[in-house]
Amino acid sequence: MRARRALVVGAGPAGLATAALLRRTGLEVLLLERAPDNADAGTALTLWPNAFSALAELGADGPVRADSAPSAGLAMRTARGGTLLFLPPGVLDARCGGNGRALPRAALLRALYDLQPPDAIRFGARCVGVRQEGAVVAARLADGTEVEGDLLIGADGIRSRVRAALFGAPGDTGGGDLRYLGYAVARGVATYSCPGHPALLALGAGRQFGLFPLPEGRMYWFAAFAVPEGGARAGPSCLPFLQRHFAAWHDPLPHVLRATDPAAVTVTAIHDRAPLRRWGRGAVALVGDAAHPAAPAMGQGTCQALEDAVVLARALAGAGADDVPAALRAYAARRRRRAHAVTVQSHWAGRLGQWRAPALCAVRDGVIRATPRSVLVGALRSSFTFG
């Protein structure tokens, strides 16, 4: 007998995509979201061709493309503006499946919300635990109630309470095994038009700056900088801090920071987790950052979450109630190697970006410059291919 009801904990991109695809397999799906509403959408994000392959299965690639802007190639530069690498947009289109595209996070969420039926999301439902008994799985909520289903998917982010319930030590509330990586990332959107700009990563001594064009004459940026654990803070002083530390970097970076609303800047301390050997237990499985949180250095977080949703739905299609645990194990087996590779690569890419010693920075920059284009294209093609 087919499992009738799936509970999806978390209504971010991973949860929304998972819910939409599971519904198409014939399941009733309820999304449980801790936030009181969908007002907090974040700043912006980048999506690469593998994400659009997953969005095509959802039927959401058209709306997302319409609300996003393409980057004109891919570039890495020094803080002074020296070119470390540049791949033209035509090369990415012909050999890697396409160029990256940036959009407001709210636009992606809107496209995924539009795939949900009315009353599919229960807001203000904070999951604090999971119970499995026989064929029943339940999400325990902070208000003391439980919601029961036939399977449960944890899409509740890097501090996942579902993951903690499965694999955490006693008292773990979701962050017990996170690794702080020694830096924070500030993000913002500037009212600054720069047509034809590539997806850019600039590397300095202990700092990085990324820049991507958005629709309507705006730019999405991020700045990575070293900070002691617990020292990352958003607030009125954050943008002036960034303006001081990136004042001597190449154009248009200082201009972009000046064109940013200070109140809209977010700051995130960067953590990841050693890859999990298992992504679930019984009729419970993890997707997205709940399963494989990664540093943002490769811009693959949301992309990998969308891949998870597609592979999970494929594994569950046609599975009867008795087959759900095996289907969830098959999903994890198909996804772990690729997602874990992204976690490891992102971890070390972020570490390299935080090197401060001039000699080490010179070695890093020299290696990037000397890497053959064919090697770069091959690595990107592997990352961007999903089907």
Protein backbone atom coordinates (compact mmCIF):
# COMPACT_ATOMS: atom_id res chain seq x y z
CA MET A 1 0.00 0.00 0.00
CA ARG A 2 1.35 3.42 -0.96
CA ALA A 3 2.37 5.69 1.89
CA ARG A 4 -0.38 8.26 2.03
CA ARG A 5 1.11 11.27 3.79
CA ALA A 6 4.53 12.90 3.72
CA LEU A 7 5.59 15.51 6.24
CA VAL A 8 8.23 17.97 5.03
CA VAL A 9 9.88 20.00 7.78
CA GLY A 10 11.08 23.36 6.44
CA ALA A 11 9.63 25.55 3.68
CA GLY A 12 12.80 26.92 2.14
CA PRO A 13 13.82 26.00 -1.42
CA ALA A 14 14.70 22.42 -0.46
CA GLY A 15 11.41 21.80 1.32
CA LEU A 16 9.20 23.52 -1.24
CA ALA A 17 10.78 21.68 -4.16
CA THR A 18 10.59 18.36 -2.31
CA ALA A 19 6.93 18.88 -1.43
CA ALA A 20 5.93 19.75 -4.98
CA LEU A 21 7.66 16.69 -6.45
CA LEU A 22 6.45 14.26 -3.78
CA ARG A 23 2.89 15.44 -4.38
CA ARG A 24 3.24 14.39 -8.01
CA THR A 25 4.06 10.84 -6.92
CA GLY A 26 0.58 10.61 -5.39
CA LEU A 27 1.39 11.51 -1.81
CA GLU A 28 -0.49 13.95 0.35
CA VAL A 29 2.15 16.43 1.56
CA LEU A 30 2.14 18.82 4.50
CA LEU A 31 4.92 21.38 4.94
CA LEU A 32 5.78 22.41 8.50
CA GLU A 33 7.56 25.78 8.69
CA ARG A 34 8.81 27.32 11.94
CA ALA A 35 8.57 30.94 10.72
CA PRO A 36 5.25 32.69 11.38
CA ASP A 37 4.91 33.64 7.70
CA ASN A 38 6.89 33.82 4.48
CA ALA A 39 8.04 37.42 4.91
CA ASP A 40 11.74 36.75 5.64
CA ALA A 41 13.09 35.88 2.19
CA GLY A 42 16.77 36.86 2.54
CA THR A 43 18.80 38.78 -0.04
CA ALA A 44 19.69 37.03 -3.30
CA LEU A 45 21.36 33.88 -4.57
CA THR A 46 22.99 32.36 -7.63
CA LEU A 47 21.82 29.34 -9.56
CA TRP A 48 23.94 27.30 -11.98
CA PRO A 49 22.85 25.03 -14.85
CA ASN A 50 22.35 21.97 -12.63
CA ALA A 51 19.76 23.92 -10.62
CA PHE A 52 17.87 24.78 -13.79
CA SER A 53 17.84 21.12 -14.82
CA ALA A 54 16.15 20.35 -11.50
CA LEU A 55 13.79 23.31 -11.83
CA ALA A 56 12.78 22.06 -15.28
CA GLU A 57 11.48 18.86 -13.66
CA LEU A 58 9.42 21.04 -11.36
CA GLY A 59 8.16 23.16 -14.25
CA ALA A 60 9.58 26.23 -12.50
CA ASP A 61 12.58 26.98 -14.70
CA GLY A 62 10.67 29.47 -16.85
CA PRO A 63 9.49 31.73 -14.01
CA VAL A 64 12.91 31.58 -12.34
CA ARG A 65 14.70 32.53 -15.56
CA ALA A 66 12.29 35.41 -16.04
CA ASP A 67 13.09 36.80 -12.59
CA SER A 68 16.86 36.32 -12.83
CA ALA A 69 19.76 37.86 -14.74
CA PRO A 70 22.55 35.95 -16.48
CA SER A 71 26.19 36.55 -15.75
CA ALA A 72 28.44 37.26 -18.74
CA GLY A 73 30.95 34.50 -18.11
CA LEU A 74 32.94 33.61 -15.02
CA ALA A 75 35.91 35.55 -13.66
CA MET A 76 38.38 35.45 -10.78
CA ARG A 77 40.52 38.50 -10.04
CA THR A 78 42.96 39.78 -7.47
CA ALA A 79 41.98 42.57 -5.11
CA ARG A 80 43.75 45.02 -7.44
CA GLY A 81 41.87 43.74 -10.48
CA GLY A 82 44.45 41.42 -12.06
CA THR A 83 42.83 38.57 -13.96
CA LEU A 84 43.33 35.11 -12.47
CA LEU A 85 40.90 33.40 -14.84
CA PHE A 86 38.12 34.27 -17.22
CA LEU A 87 35.74 31.97 -19.04
CA PRO A 88 33.63 33.79 -21.66
CA PRO A 89 29.86 33.27 -21.67
CA GLY A 90 30.03 31.42 -24.99
CA VAL A 91 32.39 28.82 -23.53
CA LEU A 92 30.09 28.23 -20.56
CA ASP A 93 27.04 27.95 -22.84
CA ALA A 94 28.73 25.56 -25.25
CA ARG A 95 30.68 23.36 -22.87
CA CYS A 96 29.22 23.70 -19.36
CA GLY A 97 25.47 23.90 -19.93
CA GLY A 98 25.11 27.64 -19.45
CA ASN A 99 26.05 30.67 -17.39
CA GLY A 100 25.11 31.34 -13.81
CA ARG A 101 22.05 33.43 -13.06
CA ALA A 102 21.30 35.53 -9.96
CA LEU A 103 17.92 36.48 -8.56
CA PRO A 104 16.33 37.68 -5.34
CA ARG A 105 15.78 34.75 -3.02
CA ALA A 106 12.17 35.92 -2.71
CA ALA A 107 11.68 35.34 -6.44
CA LEU A 108 12.83 31.72 -6.19
CA LEU A 109 10.61 31.14 -3.18
CA ARG A 110 7.66 32.70 -5.00
CA ALA A 111 8.12 30.35 -7.96
CA LEU A 112 8.20 27.37 -5.60
CA TYR A 113 5.27 28.63 -3.49
CA ASP A 114 3.23 28.82 -6.68
CA LEU A 115 3.61 25.04 -7.04
CA GLN A 116 1.89 24.40 -3.70
CA PRO A 117 -1.88 24.01 -3.26
CA PRO A 118 -3.77 26.16 -0.73
CA ASP A 119 -3.10 25.28 2.91
CA ALA A 120 -0.10 23.14 2.00
CA ILE A 121 2.14 25.02 4.46
CA ARG A 122 1.55 25.25 8.20
CA PHE A 123 3.46 28.31 9.38
CA GLY A 124 4.50 28.71 13.00
CA ALA A 125 4.99 24.93 13.28
CA ARG A 126 8.44 24.53 14.86
CA CYS A 127 9.61 20.92 14.83
CA VAL A 128 11.63 19.99 17.92
CA GLY A 129 11.78 16.23 17.55
CA VAL A 130 10.78 13.13 15.62
CA ARG A 131 9.03 9.94 16.72
CA GLN A 132 8.88 6.68 14.77
CA GLU A 133 6.68 3.80 15.90
CA GLY A 134 5.89 1.00 13.52
CA ALA A 135 4.55 2.42 10.28
CA VAL A 136 3.91 5.86 11.79
CA VAL A 137 6.32 8.78 11.92
CA ALA A 138 5.52 12.01 13.75
CA ALA A 139 6.95 15.49 13.97
CA ARG A 140 6.92 16.82 17.52
CA LEU A 141 6.17 20.53 17.59
CA ALA A 142 7.22 23.18 20.08
CA ASP A 143 3.62 23.69 21.22
CA GLY A 144 3.50 20.10 22.50
CA THR A 145 1.43 18.68 19.64
CA GLU A 146 2.42 16.06 17.09
CA VAL A 147 1.71 15.71 13.39
CA GLU A 148 1.71 12.15 12.04
CA GLY A 149 2.50 10.81 8.60
CA ASP A 150 3.90 7.83 6.73
CA LEU A 151 7.27 9.43 6.00
CA LEU A 152 9.08 12.58 7.07
CA ILE A 153 11.63 14.65 5.21
CA GLY A 154 13.90 17.02 7.12
CA ALA A 155 14.49 20.12 5.02
CA ASP A 156 15.05 22.34 8.02
CA GLY A 157 18.48 23.71 7.22
CA ILE A 158 21.94 23.62 8.69
CA ARG A 159 20.69 23.48 12.31
CA SER A 160 18.21 20.74 11.52
CA ARG A 161 16.19 19.43 14.44
CA VAL A 162 15.29 16.41 12.33
CA ARG A 163 18.97 15.56 11.85
CA ALA A 164 19.58 16.08 15.57
CA ALA A 165 16.71 13.72 16.40
CA LEU A 166 18.21 11.03 14.17
CA PHE A 167 21.92 11.38 14.82
CA GLY A 168 22.58 14.04 17.46
CA ALA A 169 23.91 13.57 20.96
CA PRO A 170 21.48 14.03 23.86
CA GLY A 171 20.51 17.68 24.13
CA ASP A 172 21.59 18.51 20.56
CA THR A 173 19.25 21.17 19.22
CA GLY A 174 20.61 21.05 15.69
CA GLY A 175 24.09 22.54 15.78
CA GLY A 176 26.03 20.13 17.94
CA ASP A 177 28.41 18.87 15.28
CA LEU A 178 28.86 21.99 13.16
CA ARG A 179 32.38 23.19 12.31
CA TYR A 180 33.02 26.92 12.40
CA LEU A 181 35.25 27.79 9.43
CA GLY A 182 36.77 30.99 10.81
CA TYR A 183 34.99 33.54 8.65
CA ALA A 184 31.69 35.26 8.03
CA VAL A 185 29.92 36.32 4.86
CA ALA A 186 28.03 39.59 4.47
CA ARG A 187 25.49 39.81 1.66
CA GLY A 188 23.61 42.67 0.09
CA VAL A 189 21.91 44.04 -3.01
CA ALA A 190 23.10 47.32 -4.53
CA THR A 191 21.22 49.69 -6.78
CA TYR A 192 24.04 49.68 -9.28
CA SER A 193 23.85 48.77 -12.95
CA CYS A 194 26.76 47.04 -14.65
CA PRO A 195 25.53 45.35 -17.85
CA GLY A 196 27.66 42.54 -19.18
CA HIS A 197 29.36 41.85 -15.86
CA PRO A 198 30.61 38.30 -15.26
CA ALA A 199 30.03 36.19 -12.20
CA LEU A 200 33.02 37.50 -10.26
CA LEU A 201 35.07 36.29 -7.33
CA ALA A 202 37.89 38.62 -6.21
CA LEU A 203 40.55 37.23 -3.86
CA GLY A 204 42.65 39.22 -1.43
CA ALA A 205 44.57 38.55 1.76
CA GLY A 206 42.04 36.96 4.11
CA ARG A 207 39.08 38.42 2.24
CA GLN A 208 36.91 37.62 -0.78
CA PHE A 209 34.31 39.57 -2.70
CA GLY A 210 31.70 38.15 -5.08
CA LEU A 211 29.56 40.11 -7.52
CA PHE A 212 26.67 39.06 -9.77
CA PRO A 213 24.23 41.09 -11.92
CA LEU A 214 20.56 41.10 -10.96
CA PRO A 215 17.52 42.27 -12.93
CA GLU A 216 16.38 45.90 -12.87
CA GLY A 217 19.79 47.56 -12.60
CA ARG A 218 20.93 45.92 -9.38
CA MET A 219 23.91 43.82 -8.27
CA TYR A 220 24.06 41.01 -5.73
CA TRP A 221 27.29 40.92 -3.75
CA PHE A 222 28.89 39.03 -0.93
CA ALA A 223 31.99 39.73 1.13
CA ALA A 224 33.86 37.08 3.13
CA PHE A 225 36.16 38.08 5.98
CA ALA A 226 37.85 36.44 8.96
CA VAL A 227 36.17 36.88 12.33
CA PRO A 228 36.39 34.99 15.65
CA GLU A 229 33.58 32.57 16.37
CA GLY A 230 30.61 34.46 17.76
CA GLY A 231 31.89 37.79 16.42
CA ALA A 232 29.79 38.02 13.24
CA ARG A 233 27.14 40.69 13.66
CA ALA A 234 24.79 42.48 11.31
CA GLY A 235 23.80 46.04 12.11
CA PRO A 236 24.45 49.68 11.26
CA SER A 237 28.24 49.33 11.59
CA CYS A 238 28.57 46.42 9.19
CA LEU A 239 28.50 48.31 5.89
CA PRO A 240 30.99 51.00 7.01
CA PHE A 241 33.27 48.17 8.16
CA LEU A 242 33.11 46.59 4.71
CA GLN A 243 33.61 49.91 2.96
CA ARG A 244 36.82 50.44 4.92
CA HIS A 245 38.18 46.96 4.30
CA PHE A 246 37.36 46.87 0.59
CA ALA A 247 38.02 50.55 -0.21
CA ALA A 248 41.23 49.81 -2.13
CA TRP A 249 39.81 46.89 -4.11
CA HIS A 250 39.23 47.20 -7.82
CA ASP A 251 36.19 48.85 -9.39
CA PRO A 252 33.29 48.54 -9.22
CA LEU A 253 33.46 46.92 -5.78
CA PRO A 254 33.73 50.10 -3.66
CA HIS A 255 30.97 51.75 -5.73
CA VAL A 256 28.71 48.74 -5.23
CA LEU A 257 29.09 48.94 -1.45
CA ARG A 258 28.29 52.66 -1.50
CA ALA A 259 25.11 51.90 -3.47
CA THR A 260 23.84 49.42 -0.85
CA ASP A 261 21.19 50.08 1.80
CA PRO A 262 22.91 49.43 5.17
CA ALA A 263 19.68 48.10 6.68
CA ALA A 264 19.46 45.34 4.07
CA VAL A 265 22.91 43.81 4.70
CA THR A 266 22.92 40.34 6.26
CA VAL A 267 25.85 38.63 7.97
CA THR A 268 26.25 34.87 8.42
CA ALA A 269 28.94 33.01 10.34
CA ILE A 270 30.03 30.16 8.08
CA HIS A 271 29.80 26.58 9.29
CA ASP A 272 29.74 23.19 7.67
CA ARG A 273 29.67 19.62 8.91
CA ALA A 274 31.75 16.53 8.23
CA PRO A 275 29.78 14.45 5.69
CA LEU A 276 27.22 12.15 7.26
CA ARG A 277 27.44 8.45 6.49
CA ARG A 278 23.66 8.16 6.63
CA TRP A 279 20.98 10.62 5.56
CA GLY A 280 18.06 8.99 7.30
CA ARG A 281 16.63 6.23 9.38
CA GLY A 282 13.50 4.22 8.72
CA ALA A 283 10.87 6.45 7.14
CA VAL A 284 12.82 9.68 7.80
CA ALA A 285 15.35 11.28 5.44
CA LEU A 286 17.23 14.56 5.09
CA VAL A 287 17.59 16.94 2.14
CA GLY A 288 19.54 20.14 1.49
CA ASP A 289 21.57 21.72 4.26
CA ALA A 290 20.01 19.36 6.79
CA ALA A 291 21.91 16.54 5.06
CA HIS A 292 25.02 18.21 3.63
CA PRO A 293 25.64 21.83 4.71
CA ALA A 294 28.48 23.38 2.73
CA ALA A 295 30.41 26.62 2.79
CA PRO A 296 29.11 29.04 0.13
CA ALA A 297 32.40 29.21 -1.78
CA MET A 298 31.10 27.31 -4.83
CA GLY A 299 27.59 28.76 -4.89
CA GLN A 300 26.09 25.25 -4.97
CA GLY A 301 23.99 25.14 -1.79
CA THR A 302 20.56 25.73 -3.33
CA CYS A 303 21.56 23.88 -6.49
CA GLN A 304 22.37 20.72 -4.55
CA ALA A 305 19.17 21.00 -2.53
CA LEU A 306 17.12 21.07 -5.73
CA GLU A 307 18.99 18.02 -6.99
CA ASP A 308 18.11 16.25 -3.73
CA ALA A 309 14.41 16.94 -4.26
CA VAL A 310 14.42 15.46 -7.76
CA VAL A 311 16.34 12.30 -6.83
CA LEU A 312 14.21 11.76 -3.71
CA ALA A 313 10.98 11.97 -5.68
CA ARG A 314 12.32 9.58 -8.31
CA ALA A 315 13.24 7.07 -5.60
CA LEU A 316 9.80 7.26 -3.99
CA ALA A 317 7.78 7.11 -7.21
CA GLY A 318 5.82 3.88 -7.12
CA ALA A 319 7.07 2.88 -3.67
CA GLY A 320 4.46 1.26 -1.44
CA ALA A 321 4.28 1.93 2.29
CA ASP A 322 6.50 -1.07 3.05
CA ASP A 323 9.06 0.11 0.48
CA VAL A 324 9.58 3.63 1.85
CA PRO A 325 12.69 2.93 4.00
CA ALA A 326 14.40 1.16 1.10
CA ALA A 327 13.47 3.99 -1.28
CA LEU A 328 14.91 6.57 1.09
CA ARG A 329 18.13 4.59 1.38
CA ALA A 330 18.33 4.40 -2.41
CA TYR A 331 17.90 8.17 -2.63
CA ALA A 332 20.76 8.76 -0.20
CA ALA A 333 23.01 6.26 -1.96
CA ARG A 334 22.49 8.07 -5.27
CA ARG A 335 23.14 11.53 -3.84
CA ARG A 336 25.77 11.20 -1.11
CA ARG A 337 28.91 11.02 -3.21
CA ARG A 338 28.13 14.07 -5.33
CA ALA A 339 26.83 16.21 -2.48
CA HIS A 340 29.71 15.26 -0.19
CA ALA A 341 32.22 16.19 -2.90
CA VAL A 342 30.67 19.66 -3.03
CA THR A 343 30.93 19.94 0.77
CA VAL A 344 34.63 19.04 0.74
CA GLN A 345 35.49 21.24 -2.24
CA SER A 346 33.57 24.19 -0.80
CA HIS A 347 35.29 23.74 2.57
CA TRP A 348 38.75 24.00 1.06
CA ALA A 349 37.85 26.71 -1.44
CA GLY A 350 36.68 28.83 1.47
CA ARG A 351 39.87 28.09 3.40
CA LEU A 352 42.06 29.10 0.46
CA GLY A 353 40.17 32.36 0.19
CA GLN A 354 41.09 33.16 3.80
CA TRP A 355 44.84 32.81 3.35
CA ARG A 356 46.58 35.99 4.54
CA ALA A 357 50.32 35.47 4.20
CA PRO A 358 51.57 37.23 1.03
CA ALA A 359 53.66 34.22 0.00
CA LEU A 360 50.70 31.85 0.30
CA CYS A 361 48.41 34.25 -1.56
CA ALA A 362 50.97 34.48 -4.34
CA VAL A 363 51.11 30.69 -4.61
CA ARG A 364 47.32 30.43 -4.62
CA ASP A 365 46.95 33.06 -7.32
CA GLY A 366 49.73 31.52 -9.39
CA VAL A 367 48.11 28.09 -9.30
CA ILE A 368 44.78 29.54 -10.44
CA ARG A 369 46.45 31.40 -13.31
CA ALA A 370 48.39 28.32 -14.39
CA THR A 371 45.44 25.91 -14.40
CA PRO A 372 44.64 24.96 -18.01
CA ARG A 373 41.28 26.13 -19.30
CA SER A 374 40.40 22.55 -20.25
CA VAL A 375 40.75 21.47 -16.62
CA LEU A 376 38.52 24.32 -15.41
CA VAL A 377 35.90 23.63 -18.05
CA GLY A 378 35.89 19.93 -17.22
CA ALA A 379 35.42 20.60 -13.51
CA LEU A 380 32.59 23.05 -14.15
CA ARG A 381 30.89 20.72 -16.61
CA SER A 382 30.91 17.99 -13.98
CA SER A 383 29.44 20.34 -11.36
CA PHE A 384 26.81 21.79 -13.69
CA THR A 385 25.56 18.52 -15.21
CA PHE A 386 22.49 16.96 -13.64
CA GLY A 387 19.81 14.84 -15.19
